[in-house]
Each structure stands twice: as structure tokens, then as C-alpha cells.
């Protein structure tokens, strides 16, 4: 008898911003934090705007409607910063 392992990426179940980090809680129990400077729109946003967070899909991404920022969980897990950040680096 064989079994088929389903390899699915973890999804976000929550997210918040500190002064310096984006912190994302994943379905598998991990807590991922990345530098907020990776996302210039979030750095420029007010704390209230950063707090207005929506999870996209089943948690595949995170959306900030007030600043039109979308970040994928896969991108965070791969360590990808935003194109805006990379363009200024």
C-alpha cells in the first residue's frame, strides 16, 4: 500500500506589524518575521494603516487595502523582498 503525500505550503492565520517587522503566524505553528523595510509602502504607512490587514484566499497572501500592498506567504517563506525595496537597494 502506498500513500500520496500532499505537499502544500503553510498558510497565514494572522499577521501584524511592529515598528520594525512584519510578523506572520502560519497554519503549521511557525511564526515568521521579516524586516518591515522590505516593504516600503508599509514603512511609509501609519500604524493604523498597517493594522488594517486582510488575509487573501485561504491565507495564501496578506493585503493592506489602505496602502494597496499585497504580500504572498510563499514569497515570505522564500525570503523575497518587494520589487520596490530591491529597486532602491
C-alpha atoms as a PDB file:
ATOM      1  CA  UNK A   1       0.000   0.000   0.000  1.00  0.00           C
ATOM      2  CA  UNK A   2       1.310   3.423  -0.841  1.00  0.00           C
ATOM      3  CA  UNK A   3       0.301   6.809   0.321  1.00  0.00           C
ATOM      4  CA  UNK A   4       0.293  10.073  -1.507  1.00  0.00           C
ATOM      5  CA  UNK A   5       1.717  12.931   0.481  1.00  0.00           C
ATOM      6  CA  UNK A   6       0.131  16.236  -0.310  1.00  0.00           C
ATOM      7  CA  UNK A   7       2.792  18.901  -0.231  1.00  0.00           C
ATOM      8  CA  UNK A   8       1.002  22.127   0.479  1.00  0.00           C
ATOM      9  CA  UNK A   9       2.579  25.328   1.665  1.00  0.00           C
ATOM     10  CA  UNK A  10       1.585  26.667   5.045  1.00  0.00           C
ATOM     11  CA  UNK A  11      -0.953  29.460   5.063  1.00  0.00           C
ATOM     12  CA  UNK A  12      -1.209  32.610   7.139  1.00  0.00           C
ATOM     13  CA  UNK A  13      -3.671  32.604  10.017  1.00  0.00           C
ATOM     14  CA  UNK A  14      -2.644  36.015  11.317  1.00  0.00           C
ATOM     15  CA  UNK A  15      -0.298  38.911  10.711  1.00  0.00           C
ATOM     16  CA  UNK A  16       0.729  42.155  12.323  1.00  0.00           C
ATOM     17  CA  UNK A  17       3.388  44.821  12.004  1.00  0.00           C
ATOM     18  CA  UNK A  18       5.690  46.042  14.720  1.00  0.00           C
ATOM     19  CA  UNK A  19       7.788  49.177  14.272  1.00  0.00           C
ATOM     20  CA  UNK A  20      10.479  47.085  12.543  1.00  0.00           C
ATOM     21  CA  UNK A  21       8.985  43.784  11.428  1.00  0.00           C
ATOM     22  CA  UNK A  22       6.164  42.069   9.627  1.00  0.00           C
ATOM     23  CA  UNK A  23       5.170  39.076  11.771  1.00  0.00           C
ATOM     24  CA  UNK A  24       3.078  36.286  10.242  1.00  0.00           C
ATOM     25  CA  UNK A  25       1.638  33.270  12.057  1.00  0.00           C
ATOM     26  CA  UNK A  26       1.341  30.165   9.855  1.00  0.00           C
ATOM     27  CA  UNK A  27      -1.029  27.191   9.978  1.00  0.00           C
ATOM     28  CA  UNK A  28       1.836  24.842  10.841  1.00  0.00           C
ATOM     29  CA  UNK A  29       2.601  26.817  14.015  1.00  0.00           C
ATOM     30  CA  UNK A  30       5.615  28.739  12.759  1.00  0.00           C
ATOM     31  CA  UNK A  31       5.886  32.451  13.320  1.00  0.00           C
ATOM     32  CA  UNK A  32       7.725  34.199  10.532  1.00  0.00           C
ATOM     33  CA  UNK A  33       9.156  37.688  10.879  1.00  0.00           C
ATOM     34  CA  UNK A  34      10.805  39.730   8.163  1.00  0.00           C
ATOM     35  CA  UNK A  35      12.177  43.285   8.146  1.00  0.00           C
ATOM     36  CA  UNK A  36       9.489  45.868   7.510  1.00  0.00           C
ATOM     37  CA  UNK A  37      11.951  47.827   5.334  1.00  0.00           C
ATOM     38  CA  UNK A  38      11.480  45.107   2.701  1.00  0.00           C
ATOM     39  CA  UNK A  39       8.082  46.706   2.040  1.00  0.00           C
ATOM     40  CA  UNK A  40       8.445  50.495   1.578  1.00  0.00           C
ATOM     41  CA  UNK A  41       4.677  51.048   1.370  1.00  0.00           C
ATOM     42  CA  UNK A  42       4.290  49.570   4.839  1.00  0.00           C
ATOM     43  CA  UNK A  43       7.211  51.575   6.223  1.00  0.00           C
ATOM     44  CA  UNK A  44       5.573  54.783   4.988  1.00  0.00           C
ATOM     45  CA  UNK A  45       2.126  53.778   6.286  1.00  0.00           C
ATOM     46  CA  UNK A  46       0.730  54.847   9.626  1.00  0.00           C
ATOM     47  CA  UNK A  47       0.354  52.283  12.396  1.00  0.00           C
ATOM     48  CA  UNK A  48      -3.419  52.390  11.802  1.00  0.00           C
ATOM     49  CA  UNK A  49      -2.959  51.655   8.081  1.00  0.00           C
ATOM     50  CA  UNK A  50      -0.545  48.808   8.897  1.00  0.00           C
ATOM     51  CA  UNK A  51      -3.129  47.376  11.278  1.00  0.00           C
ATOM     52  CA  UNK A  52      -5.820  47.159   8.594  1.00  0.00           C
ATOM     53  CA  UNK A  53      -4.855  43.712   7.330  1.00  0.00           C
ATOM     54  CA  UNK A  54      -6.850  41.214   5.282  1.00  0.00           C
ATOM     55  CA  UNK A  55      -5.867  37.612   4.594  1.00  0.00           C
ATOM     56  CA  UNK A  56      -6.249  36.672   0.940  1.00  0.00           C
ATOM     57  CA  UNK A  57      -7.660  33.360  -0.212  1.00  0.00           C
ATOM     58  CA  UNK A  58      -7.297  30.768   2.497  1.00  0.00           C
ATOM     59  CA  UNK A  59      -4.281  32.625   3.885  1.00  0.00           C
ATOM     60  CA  UNK A  60      -2.093  32.445   0.785  1.00  0.00           C
ATOM     61  CA  UNK A  61      -1.439  36.162   0.974  1.00  0.00           C
ATOM     62  CA  UNK A  62      -1.796  39.298   3.040  1.00  0.00           C
ATOM     63  CA  UNK A  63      -3.394  42.534   1.834  1.00  0.00           C
ATOM     64  CA  UNK A  64      -3.291  46.093   3.199  1.00  0.00           C
ATOM     65  CA  UNK A  65      -6.142  47.930   1.451  1.00  0.00           C
ATOM     66  CA  UNK A  66      -5.163  51.350   2.808  1.00  0.00           C
ATOM     67  CA  UNK A  67      -1.750  51.242   1.107  1.00  0.00           C
ATOM     68  CA  UNK A  68      -2.501  48.787  -1.745  1.00  0.00           C
ATOM     69  CA  UNK A  69       0.137  46.265  -0.625  1.00  0.00           C
ATOM     70  CA  UNK A  70      -0.128  42.527  -1.276  1.00  0.00           C
ATOM     71  CA  UNK A  71       2.401  40.004   0.008  1.00  0.00           C
ATOM     72  CA  UNK A  72       2.346  36.273  -0.649  1.00  0.00           C
ATOM     73  CA  UNK A  73       3.175  33.794   2.091  1.00  0.00           C
ATOM     74  CA  UNK A  74       5.280  31.789  -0.377  1.00  0.00           C
ATOM     75  CA  UNK A  75       7.286  34.928  -1.146  1.00  0.00           C
ATOM     76  CA  UNK A  76       7.924  35.488   2.547  1.00  0.00           C
ATOM     77  CA  UNK A  77       8.996  31.884   3.026  1.00  0.00           C
ATOM     78  CA  UNK A  78      11.377  32.252   0.079  1.00  0.00           C
ATOM     79  CA  UNK A  79      12.823  35.419   1.594  1.00  0.00           C
ATOM     80  CA  UNK A  80      11.691  37.733  -1.199  1.00  0.00           C
ATOM     81  CA  UNK A  81      11.525  41.451  -0.536  1.00  0.00           C
ATOM     82  CA  UNK A  82       9.270  43.729  -2.586  1.00  0.00           C
ATOM     83  CA  UNK A  83      10.381  44.945  -6.005  1.00  0.00           C
ATOM     84  CA  UNK A  84      10.248  48.499  -4.672  1.00  0.00           C
ATOM     85  CA  UNK A  85      12.798  47.630  -1.990  1.00  0.00           C
ATOM     86  CA  UNK A  86      15.049  45.811  -4.454  1.00  0.00           C
ATOM     87  CA  UNK A  87      14.915  48.753  -6.884  1.00  0.00           C
ATOM     88  CA  UNK A  88      16.216  51.144  -4.228  1.00  0.00           C
ATOM     89  CA  UNK A  89      18.909  48.773  -2.908  1.00  0.00           C
END
